[in-house]
């Protein structure tokens, strides 16, 4: 079997774009969803991942790509790690950093090349601290520059890949329109506080507007 690509998939725009591009290339994707019982939209996200999987394979499955059965990991079951916790707390003092990046970094310790689909607007603090890798099998992705001296940054993000770091949401929209899969992208889900229509108030809804995609709030 081809190398398996471990991709964190939330059913959102960014991670879905990455899954699509991998399947286009005939890659084998192991989608990973971290289940958090306090996240209101969790069941909507799981339902959307199921729908998107079917849509993507129907469109591009003939390329030889595979989406393996979704691996659902309960956030409570991720092992505590004292060094990761300390590193996260230090980084959080310097900038806003969601708590999920602590437990995702713990997950990355036990999972090779875990892919986190974040772009430069969300992770501007990594600007100038990544290098681009060009992989013939799965395309380009960014990783933390091994020469970065910040050991706390390395502890949290050093074992992850950032496959869309050099793209914006509108870049992805342009690519999706050009390559003919924008209809699938518009079936993604992003709102954290609703499972019917975007609430327009949660952080992802505000980020959609910031990133030039405000029209999605009225879908």
Protein backbone atom coordinates (compact mmCIF):
# COMPACT_ATOMS: atom_id res chain seq x y z
CA UNK A 1 0.00 0.00 0.00
CA UNK A 2 1.08 3.59 -0.62
CA UNK A 3 2.20 5.70 2.32
CA UNK A 4 -0.76 6.69 4.46
CA UNK A 5 -1.32 10.42 4.97
CA UNK A 6 -2.64 11.24 8.44
CA UNK A 7 -4.93 14.25 8.00
CA UNK A 8 -6.88 16.04 10.70
CA UNK A 9 -10.30 16.51 9.10
CA UNK A 10 -12.97 18.69 10.68
CA UNK A 11 -15.29 18.85 7.62
CA UNK A 12 -14.20 22.47 7.21
CA UNK A 13 -12.96 24.31 4.13
CA UNK A 14 -9.21 23.99 4.71
CA UNK A 15 -8.95 20.33 5.72
CA UNK A 16 -11.45 19.28 3.04
CA UNK A 17 -9.38 21.06 0.40
CA UNK A 18 -6.35 19.06 1.53
CA UNK A 19 -8.21 15.74 1.42
CA UNK A 20 -9.46 16.56 -2.08
CA UNK A 21 -5.98 17.42 -3.36
CA UNK A 22 -4.56 14.19 -1.92
CA UNK A 23 -7.27 12.05 -3.48
CA UNK A 24 -6.77 13.86 -6.79
CA UNK A 25 -3.18 12.61 -6.63
CA UNK A 26 -4.23 9.04 -5.84
CA UNK A 27 -3.01 9.15 -2.24
CA UNK A 28 -4.24 7.06 0.69
CA UNK A 29 -5.74 9.29 3.36
CA UNK A 30 -6.29 8.37 6.98
CA UNK A 31 -8.76 11.01 8.16
CA UNK A 32 -8.66 11.81 11.86
CA UNK A 33 -11.37 13.59 13.82
CA UNK A 34 -10.90 14.65 17.43
CA UNK A 35 -14.24 14.41 19.20
CA UNK A 36 -14.83 17.06 21.85
CA UNK A 37 -18.06 16.65 23.80
CA UNK A 38 -18.38 20.42 24.41
CA UNK A 39 -18.26 21.27 20.71
CA UNK A 40 -21.86 21.88 19.70
CA UNK A 41 -21.30 21.15 16.01
CA UNK A 42 -19.51 17.80 16.53
CA UNK A 43 -22.30 15.58 15.18
CA UNK A 44 -22.90 17.92 12.23
CA UNK A 45 -19.19 17.73 11.42
CA UNK A 46 -19.16 13.93 11.53
CA UNK A 47 -22.25 13.80 9.31
CA UNK A 48 -20.60 16.21 6.87
CA UNK A 49 -17.37 14.20 6.74
CA UNK A 50 -19.42 11.15 5.78
CA UNK A 51 -21.15 13.11 2.99
CA UNK A 52 -17.88 14.64 1.76
CA UNK A 53 -16.13 11.27 1.70
CA UNK A 54 -18.79 9.89 -0.61
CA UNK A 55 -18.70 12.97 -2.86
CA UNK A 56 -14.90 13.01 -3.13
CA UNK A 57 -14.57 9.30 -3.90
CA UNK A 58 -17.37 9.44 -6.46
CA UNK A 59 -15.51 12.27 -8.21
CA UNK A 60 -11.89 11.16 -7.88
CA UNK A 61 -11.86 7.56 -6.66
CA UNK A 62 -10.87 6.30 -10.11
CA UNK A 63 -7.46 7.97 -9.57
CA UNK A 64 -6.61 5.19 -7.13
CA UNK A 65 -6.92 7.38 -4.05
CA UNK A 66 -8.48 5.98 -0.91
CA UNK A 67 -10.06 7.49 2.17
CA UNK A 68 -9.72 5.02 5.00
CA UNK A 69 -12.37 4.67 7.70
CA UNK A 70 -12.54 7.82 9.80
CA UNK A 71 -10.48 7.51 12.96
CA UNK A 72 -12.41 9.22 15.77
CA UNK A 73 -10.32 10.07 18.81
CA UNK A 74 -12.00 11.32 21.95
CA UNK A 75 -10.16 14.35 23.23
CA UNK A 76 -10.40 12.91 26.76
CA UNK A 77 -8.41 9.85 25.67
CA UNK A 78 -5.37 11.78 24.44
CA UNK A 79 -2.56 11.10 26.89
CA UNK A 80 -1.42 13.94 29.12
CA UNK A 81 2.13 15.09 28.49
CA UNK A 82 3.77 17.44 30.99
CA UNK A 83 6.35 18.87 28.56
CA UNK A 84 3.71 19.55 25.91
CA UNK A 85 1.54 21.24 28.50
CA UNK A 86 4.38 23.46 29.71
CA UNK A 87 5.40 24.37 26.15
CA UNK A 88 1.82 25.22 25.24
CA UNK A 89 1.41 27.46 28.30
CA UNK A 90 4.59 29.37 27.46
CA UNK A 91 3.53 29.87 23.83
CA UNK A 92 0.08 30.98 24.90
CA UNK A 93 1.59 33.74 27.03
CA UNK A 94 3.16 35.19 23.87
CA UNK A 95 0.13 35.02 21.56
CA UNK A 96 -3.41 33.71 21.34
CA UNK A 97 -3.27 29.96 20.85
CA UNK A 98 -6.30 27.71 21.13
CA UNK A 99 -6.17 24.94 23.70
CA UNK A 100 -6.67 22.35 20.97
CA UNK A 101 -3.07 22.82 19.88
CA UNK A 102 -1.89 21.37 23.18
CA UNK A 103 -3.74 18.09 22.72
CA UNK A 104 -3.10 17.98 18.98
CA UNK A 105 0.63 18.23 19.75
CA UNK A 106 0.25 15.28 22.14
CA UNK A 107 -1.47 13.35 19.37
CA UNK A 108 1.35 14.19 16.95
CA UNK A 109 3.86 12.50 19.28
CA UNK A 110 2.24 9.13 18.51
CA UNK A 111 1.32 9.70 14.87
CA UNK A 112 3.80 10.17 12.04
CA UNK A 113 3.53 13.32 9.93
CA UNK A 114 0.19 14.49 11.28
CA UNK A 115 -1.23 17.07 8.86
CA UNK A 116 -2.79 20.23 10.25
CA UNK A 117 -4.61 22.28 7.61
CA UNK A 118 -4.00 25.85 8.74
CA UNK A 119 -3.08 28.82 6.57
CA UNK A 120 -0.83 31.80 7.16
CA UNK A 121 -3.60 34.16 8.32
CA UNK A 122 -4.39 31.81 11.19
CA UNK A 123 -0.76 31.00 11.95
CA UNK A 124 1.03 34.24 11.13
CA UNK A 125 3.42 33.60 14.03
CA UNK A 126 5.05 30.87 11.93
CA UNK A 127 5.93 33.30 9.14
CA UNK A 128 9.61 32.91 8.28
CA UNK A 129 9.86 29.81 10.48
CA UNK A 130 8.77 27.13 8.01
CA UNK A 131 10.37 25.47 5.02
CA UNK A 132 8.59 24.08 1.99
CA UNK A 133 8.93 20.42 1.07
CA UNK A 134 8.08 19.28 -2.46
CA UNK A 135 6.93 15.67 -2.35
CA UNK A 136 6.33 14.07 -5.76
CA UNK A 137 3.69 11.76 -4.32
CA UNK A 138 1.54 14.19 -2.31
CA UNK A 139 2.60 17.67 -3.40
CA UNK A 140 4.04 20.56 -1.42
CA UNK A 141 3.70 21.07 2.31
CA UNK A 142 5.36 23.23 4.94
CA UNK A 143 7.10 22.05 8.11
CA UNK A 144 8.70 23.94 10.95
CA UNK A 145 12.25 24.88 10.01
CA UNK A 146 14.55 22.53 11.98
CA UNK A 147 16.89 25.49 12.52
CA UNK A 148 14.28 27.36 14.57
CA UNK A 149 15.73 27.83 18.03
CA UNK A 150 12.43 28.16 19.91
CA UNK A 151 12.23 24.82 21.69
CA UNK A 152 8.66 25.41 22.85
CA UNK A 153 7.49 26.04 19.30
CA UNK A 154 9.28 22.85 18.26
CA UNK A 155 7.59 20.86 21.03
CA UNK A 156 4.12 21.92 19.90
CA UNK A 157 4.46 22.08 16.11
CA UNK A 158 7.69 20.31 15.23
CA UNK A 159 6.08 16.96 14.39
CA UNK A 160 3.29 18.33 12.20
CA UNK A 161 2.94 19.16 8.52
CA UNK A 162 1.16 22.26 7.23
CA UNK A 163 0.02 21.36 3.70
CA UNK A 164 -1.92 24.55 2.90
CA UNK A 165 0.13 27.05 4.89
CA UNK A 166 1.06 29.10 1.83
CA UNK A 167 -2.53 29.38 0.56
CA UNK A 168 -5.44 31.59 1.59
CA UNK A 169 -9.09 30.58 1.58
CA UNK A 170 -9.65 32.59 -1.58
CA UNK A 171 -6.63 30.88 -3.19
CA UNK A 172 -8.30 27.55 -2.45
CA UNK A 173 -11.59 28.87 -3.84
CA UNK A 174 -9.87 29.91 -7.09
CA UNK A 175 -8.21 26.49 -7.41
CA UNK A 176 -11.47 24.67 -6.66
CA UNK A 177 -13.31 26.69 -9.31
CA UNK A 178 -10.57 26.16 -11.88
CA UNK A 179 -10.34 22.42 -11.23
CA UNK A 180 -14.09 21.86 -10.96
CA UNK A 181 -14.68 20.83 -7.35
CA UNK A 182 -16.07 24.06 -5.87
CA UNK A 183 -19.46 22.36 -5.49
CA UNK A 184 -17.92 19.89 -3.04
CA UNK A 185 -16.15 22.68 -1.14
CA UNK A 186 -19.47 24.44 -0.63
CA UNK A 187 -20.75 21.38 1.24
CA UNK A 188 -18.16 21.84 3.99
CA UNK A 189 -19.19 22.97 7.48
CA UNK A 190 -17.46 25.59 9.60
CA UNK A 191 -19.77 26.99 12.30
CA UNK A 192 -19.03 25.75 15.83
CA UNK A 193 -22.25 26.91 17.48
CA UNK A 194 -24.94 25.66 15.11
CA UNK A 195 -25.79 22.53 13.14
CA UNK A 196 -28.39 24.05 10.83
CA UNK A 197 -27.11 27.38 9.48
CA UNK A 198 -24.09 29.53 10.35
CA UNK A 199 -24.57 31.47 13.60
CA UNK A 200 -22.47 34.41 12.30
CA UNK A 201 -21.07 34.95 15.82
CA UNK A 202 -18.60 32.15 16.59
CA UNK A 203 -14.88 32.44 15.81
CA UNK A 204 -14.97 30.36 12.56
CA UNK A 205 -17.90 32.45 11.27
CA UNK A 206 -15.94 35.65 11.97
CA UNK A 207 -12.85 34.18 10.31
CA UNK A 208 -14.86 33.35 7.19
CA UNK A 209 -15.66 37.06 6.84
CA UNK A 210 -12.06 38.08 7.60
CA UNK A 211 -10.82 35.71 4.90
CA UNK A 212 -13.04 37.13 2.17
CA UNK A 213 -15.61 34.32 2.21
CA UNK A 214 -18.47 36.09 3.99
CA UNK A 215 -20.97 34.97 1.38
CA UNK A 216 -20.91 31.51 2.99
CA UNK A 217 -22.74 32.85 6.05
CA UNK A 218 -25.92 33.01 3.96
CA UNK A 219 -25.70 29.53 2.46
